[in-house]
Amino acid sequence: MSGGATSMIRTYGPEEIARIRESAEIVGQCLLALAREVEPGVSTLALDKVAETFIRDRGGEPAFLGYRGYPASVCASVNEEVVHGIPSAKRILREGDIVSLDIGVKKAGFYADAARTFPVGPAEKLAPELVRLLETTERALMAGIDKARPDGRVSDISAAIERTVKEEGFSVVRALVGHGVGRALHEEPQVPNYGRPGEGPKLRVGMVLAIEPMVNAGTADVVTLADQWTVVTADRKRSAHFEHTVAIGAAGPEVLSLVQAD
């Protein structure tokens, strides 16, 4: 879940990062489970119920449920919806759609957050432009993660994301940002997905960041719908969202929410 921050920049020790990793692994495993559920004819509410059960069965709590009044465990954003789409029994996935699933978990007092955009139906039937949008957004995330290194700056992450996206002719959403995560769902620092390198807070060992490029096929501009949650592209072109929870280690980034499929 993208958003602002709530406090000073925290750094975490190895034991605390191990706790954050426990939450992050549940998030990553839940996204893998949902990947098997995303198909034509499925409602976004059904995906939400699968996710809530999955999280609770593993000793976690859905971090989004009730957060600032949010009514679900998952943000399920379809097509032109950028983030914070509210799951609904009436929102039925159709072949050729894309759906971004954003999940947060709290376990033993520690939070993690990750997201992924999935094609609905066979990937080979997805429009080539959408395939490129998804691939670019994921590649931008990994480019940003690669810059999450000690003694760099937050904007090194931002600049790497923006450069990757612009090279493909897509737009980075500027109105929403990544963030610190750990003891709270949203912590300092904010992590924009655009900017010049060498600016912003210095990156230090023990910082934990939710890095999350949101990339639009058309304009970067977004609007919030009447439900006060769902953010959509201003031109109603499609959008993709990929996110990982990342700890900054002495040797570089550690992607806590990256898990391998069985």
Protein backbone atom coordinates (compact mmCIF):
# COMPACT_ATOMS: atom_id res chain seq x y z
CA MET A 1 0.00 0.00 0.00
CA SER A 2 1.55 3.27 -1.09
CA GLY A 3 1.40 6.27 1.15
CA GLY A 4 3.12 8.79 3.32
CA ALA A 5 5.19 8.21 6.41
CA THR A 6 4.64 8.61 10.11
CA SER A 7 7.89 9.09 12.03
CA MET A 8 11.66 9.53 11.94
CA ILE A 9 13.78 7.17 9.85
CA ARG A 10 14.32 3.92 11.74
CA THR A 11 17.08 1.39 11.36
CA TYR A 12 16.62 -2.21 12.48
CA GLY A 13 19.01 -4.74 13.96
CA PRO A 14 19.45 -8.29 12.67
CA GLU A 15 16.84 -9.80 15.01
CA GLU A 16 14.27 -7.19 14.03
CA ILE A 17 14.97 -7.67 10.33
CA ALA A 18 14.48 -11.41 10.84
CA ARG A 19 11.02 -10.59 12.23
CA ILE A 20 10.23 -8.31 9.31
CA ARG A 21 11.39 -11.10 7.00
CA GLU A 22 8.84 -13.45 8.57
CA SER A 23 6.05 -11.04 7.66
CA ALA A 24 7.57 -10.41 4.22
CA GLU A 25 7.77 -14.11 3.44
CA ILE A 26 4.08 -14.52 4.19
CA VAL A 27 3.38 -11.65 1.78
CA GLY A 28 5.54 -13.21 -0.92
CA GLN A 29 4.01 -16.65 -0.44
CA CYS A 30 0.53 -15.14 -0.52
CA LEU A 31 1.24 -13.47 -3.86
CA LEU A 32 2.39 -16.82 -5.24
CA ALA A 33 -0.82 -18.42 -4.00
CA LEU A 34 -2.92 -15.68 -5.55
CA ALA A 35 -1.13 -16.10 -8.87
CA ARG A 36 -2.77 -19.51 -9.10
CA GLU A 37 -6.20 -17.99 -8.40
CA VAL A 38 -6.12 -15.16 -10.94
CA GLU A 39 -8.18 -16.27 -13.94
CA PRO A 40 -11.16 -15.12 -15.97
CA GLY A 41 -14.44 -15.27 -14.05
CA VAL A 42 -12.93 -14.77 -10.60
CA SER A 43 -14.03 -11.78 -8.52
CA THR A 44 -11.57 -9.54 -6.75
CA LEU A 45 -13.49 -10.23 -3.53
CA ALA A 46 -12.79 -13.96 -3.93
CA LEU A 47 -9.07 -13.15 -4.19
CA ASP A 48 -9.32 -11.05 -1.05
CA LYS A 49 -10.88 -13.93 0.89
CA VAL A 50 -8.15 -16.33 -0.27
CA ALA A 51 -5.50 -13.86 0.87
CA GLU A 52 -7.04 -13.23 4.28
CA THR A 53 -7.31 -16.96 5.01
CA PHE A 54 -3.75 -17.58 3.78
CA ILE A 55 -2.31 -14.82 5.99
CA ARG A 56 -4.20 -15.83 9.13
CA ASP A 57 -3.37 -19.51 8.67
CA ARG A 58 0.31 -18.56 8.90
CA GLY A 59 -0.01 -16.57 12.09
CA GLY A 60 -0.16 -13.15 10.47
CA GLU A 61 -2.72 -10.38 10.35
CA PRO A 62 -3.83 -8.59 7.17
CA ALA A 63 -2.12 -5.23 7.66
CA PHE A 64 -4.44 -3.33 5.34
CA LEU A 65 -7.72 -4.49 6.88
CA GLY A 66 -9.07 -1.54 8.87
CA TYR A 67 -6.01 0.63 8.12
CA ARG A 68 -7.39 4.18 8.01
CA GLY A 69 -10.76 2.53 7.44
CA TYR A 70 -9.73 0.39 4.47
CA PRO A 71 -12.34 -2.41 4.25
CA ALA A 72 -10.33 -5.34 2.85
CA SER A 73 -7.16 -7.39 3.24
CA VAL A 74 -5.89 -6.83 -0.30
CA CYS A 75 -5.78 -3.90 -2.69
CA ALA A 76 -7.00 -5.30 -6.03
CA SER A 77 -6.55 -2.77 -8.81
CA VAL A 78 -7.75 -3.73 -12.30
CA ASN A 79 -6.59 -2.20 -15.59
CA GLU A 80 -6.66 1.62 -15.23
CA GLU A 81 -6.75 1.36 -11.44
CA VAL A 82 -3.28 2.26 -10.18
CA VAL A 83 -3.55 1.30 -6.50
CA HIS A 84 -5.98 0.85 -3.59
CA GLY A 85 -8.76 -0.81 -5.58
CA ILE A 86 -11.32 -2.21 -3.12
CA PRO A 87 -12.17 -5.89 -3.72
CA SER A 88 -15.77 -6.48 -4.81
CA ALA A 89 -17.99 -9.43 -5.69
CA LYS A 90 -19.11 -7.37 -8.68
CA ARG A 91 -15.61 -6.87 -10.08
CA ILE A 92 -15.11 -9.96 -12.25
CA LEU A 93 -11.78 -10.50 -13.98
CA ARG A 94 -11.85 -11.02 -17.73
CA GLU A 95 -9.30 -12.39 -20.15
CA GLY A 96 -6.98 -9.61 -21.25
CA ASP A 97 -7.28 -7.66 -17.99
CA ILE A 98 -4.37 -6.97 -15.72
CA VAL A 99 -4.80 -6.92 -11.94
CA SER A 100 -2.41 -5.49 -9.37
CA LEU A 101 -2.56 -7.23 -6.01
CA ASP A 102 -0.99 -5.37 -3.10
CA ILE A 103 -0.71 -7.15 0.26
CA GLY A 104 0.51 -6.18 3.72
CA VAL A 105 1.11 -8.47 6.69
CA LYS A 106 1.68 -7.80 10.36
CA LYS A 107 3.18 -10.56 12.46
CA ALA A 108 4.55 -10.26 16.00
CA GLY A 109 4.50 -6.47 15.74
CA PHE A 110 6.38 -6.17 12.43
CA TYR A 111 5.02 -5.22 9.02
CA ALA A 112 5.88 -6.01 5.39
CA ASP A 113 4.32 -4.99 2.11
CA ALA A 114 4.60 -6.21 -1.50
CA ALA A 115 2.66 -6.10 -4.75
CA ARG A 116 2.60 -7.64 -8.21
CA THR A 117 0.58 -7.12 -11.39
CA PHE A 118 -0.78 -10.25 -13.04
CA PRO A 119 -2.21 -10.91 -16.50
CA VAL A 120 -5.68 -12.45 -16.47
CA GLY A 121 -5.81 -15.48 -18.74
CA PRO A 122 -2.91 -16.83 -20.79
CA ALA A 123 0.01 -14.41 -20.77
CA GLU A 124 0.57 -15.03 -24.48
CA LYS A 125 -2.88 -13.57 -25.17
CA LEU A 126 -2.14 -10.32 -23.38
CA ALA A 127 -1.69 -7.30 -25.66
CA PRO A 128 2.04 -6.84 -26.41
CA GLU A 129 1.95 -3.29 -25.03
CA LEU A 130 0.66 -4.61 -21.72
CA VAL A 131 3.31 -7.31 -21.60
CA ARG A 132 5.89 -4.56 -22.07
CA LEU A 133 4.25 -2.44 -19.36
CA LEU A 134 4.40 -5.28 -16.83
CA GLU A 135 7.94 -6.26 -17.75
CA THR A 136 9.13 -2.64 -17.58
CA THR A 137 7.56 -2.01 -14.19
CA GLU A 138 9.12 -5.14 -12.69
CA ARG A 139 12.48 -4.27 -14.24
CA ALA A 140 12.20 -0.74 -12.83
CA LEU A 141 11.59 -2.21 -9.38
CA MET A 142 14.70 -4.36 -9.63
CA ALA A 143 16.75 -1.38 -10.90
CA GLY A 144 15.63 0.62 -7.89
CA ILE A 145 16.36 -2.23 -5.49
CA ASP A 146 19.88 -2.48 -6.89
CA LYS A 147 20.52 1.09 -5.68
CA ALA A 148 19.38 0.33 -2.10
CA ARG A 149 22.95 0.27 -0.82
CA PRO A 150 24.68 1.77 2.20
CA ASP A 151 25.89 5.37 1.79
CA GLY A 152 23.75 5.95 -1.29
CA ARG A 153 20.79 8.29 -1.25
CA VAL A 154 17.07 7.61 -1.46
CA SER A 155 16.91 9.41 -4.79
CA ASP A 156 19.44 6.96 -6.26
CA ILE A 157 16.60 4.42 -6.04
CA SER A 158 14.14 6.94 -7.46
CA ALA A 159 16.32 7.92 -10.40
CA ALA A 160 17.02 4.31 -11.40
CA ILE A 161 13.28 3.56 -11.46
CA GLU A 162 12.42 6.65 -13.48
CA ARG A 163 15.20 6.06 -16.01
CA THR A 164 14.07 2.49 -16.66
CA VAL A 165 10.47 3.56 -17.16
CA LYS A 166 11.24 6.55 -19.40
CA GLU A 167 13.44 4.46 -21.67
CA GLU A 168 10.33 2.46 -22.57
CA GLY A 169 8.12 5.51 -23.11
CA PHE A 170 5.91 4.93 -20.06
CA SER A 171 5.10 7.33 -17.19
CA VAL A 172 5.99 7.10 -13.51
CA VAL A 173 3.23 8.05 -11.08
CA ARG A 174 4.46 11.01 -9.03
CA ALA A 175 1.50 11.45 -6.69
CA LEU A 176 2.22 8.21 -4.79
CA VAL A 177 5.46 6.97 -3.25
CA GLY A 178 7.15 4.04 -1.60
CA HIS A 179 8.06 4.22 2.07
CA GLY A 180 9.87 2.81 5.03
CA VAL A 181 8.28 -0.20 6.70
CA GLY A 182 8.88 -2.24 9.85
CA ARG A 183 7.32 -1.33 13.18
CA ALA A 184 4.62 0.54 11.24
CA LEU A 185 3.12 -0.01 7.82
CA HIS A 186 4.23 3.42 6.63
CA GLU A 187 7.43 4.94 8.00
CA GLU A 188 9.97 7.48 6.86
CA PRO A 189 11.57 7.94 4.43
CA GLN A 190 9.28 8.47 1.49
CA VAL A 191 10.69 6.77 -1.62
CA PRO A 192 9.55 8.56 -4.78
CA ASN A 193 9.80 6.78 -8.12
CA TYR A 194 11.36 9.79 -9.86
CA GLY A 195 14.14 12.25 -9.18
CA ARG A 196 17.82 13.01 -9.61
CA PRO A 197 20.44 10.75 -8.01
CA GLY A 198 22.41 11.89 -4.99
CA GLU A 199 19.55 13.59 -3.16
CA GLY A 200 17.38 12.85 -0.14
CA PRO A 201 18.23 10.96 3.04
CA LYS A 202 21.35 8.84 3.15
CA LEU A 203 20.76 5.09 3.00
CA ARG A 204 22.07 3.23 6.02
CA VAL A 205 22.47 -0.40 7.04
CA GLY A 206 19.31 -1.54 8.80
CA MET A 207 16.86 0.64 6.92
CA VAL A 208 13.89 -1.27 5.51
CA LEU A 209 12.03 0.13 2.51
CA ALA A 210 8.91 -0.76 0.55
CA ILE A 211 10.04 0.12 -2.97
CA GLU A 212 7.08 0.26 -5.34
CA PRO A 213 7.06 1.74 -8.83
CA MET A 214 3.61 2.50 -10.22
CA VAL A 215 3.84 2.89 -13.98
CA ASN A 216 1.21 4.13 -16.42
CA ALA A 217 0.89 3.38 -20.11
CA GLY A 218 -0.21 6.98 -20.73
CA THR A 219 -0.14 10.10 -18.58
CA ALA A 220 1.44 10.11 -15.14
CA ASP A 221 -1.59 11.97 -13.78
CA VAL A 222 -3.98 10.12 -11.48
CA VAL A 223 -7.32 10.82 -9.79
CA THR A 224 -9.03 9.29 -6.75
CA LEU A 225 -12.53 7.91 -7.23
CA ALA A 226 -15.57 8.69 -5.09
CA ASP A 227 -14.85 5.75 -2.75
CA GLN A 228 -11.87 7.84 -1.55
CA TRP A 229 -9.51 4.90 -2.05
CA THR A 230 -9.28 3.75 -5.66
CA VAL A 231 -6.67 5.70 -7.62
CA VAL A 232 -7.02 5.56 -11.41
CA THR A 233 -5.08 6.96 -14.34
CA ALA A 234 -6.43 10.32 -15.47
CA ASP A 235 -6.62 9.13 -19.10
CA ARG A 236 -7.93 5.67 -18.10
CA LYS A 237 -5.00 3.92 -19.76
CA ARG A 238 -3.63 0.94 -17.90
CA SER A 239 -1.22 0.89 -15.00
CA ALA A 240 1.11 -1.65 -13.38
CA HIS A 241 2.46 -1.89 -9.82
CA PHE A 242 5.30 -4.01 -8.45
CA GLU A 243 6.66 -3.79 -4.90
CA HIS A 244 9.07 -5.52 -2.54
CA THR A 245 10.10 -5.04 1.08
CA VAL A 246 13.87 -4.52 1.03
CA ALA A 247 16.40 -4.33 3.86
CA ILE A 248 19.67 -2.48 3.34
CA GLY A 249 22.48 -4.81 4.36
CA ALA A 250 26.20 -4.11 4.63
CA ALA A 251 26.75 -5.91 1.32
CA GLY A 252 23.71 -4.41 -0.43
CA PRO A 253 19.97 -4.95 -0.71
CA GLU A 254 18.19 -7.94 0.81
CA VAL A 255 14.78 -8.53 -0.79
CA LEU A 256 12.81 -9.84 2.17
CA SER A 257 9.57 -10.50 0.28
CA LEU A 258 11.15 -12.47 -2.57
CA VAL A 259 10.23 -16.14 -2.23
CA GLN A 260 10.65 -19.04 -4.62
CA ALA A 261 7.74 -20.98 -6.05
CA ASP A 262 7.54 -24.60 -4.94
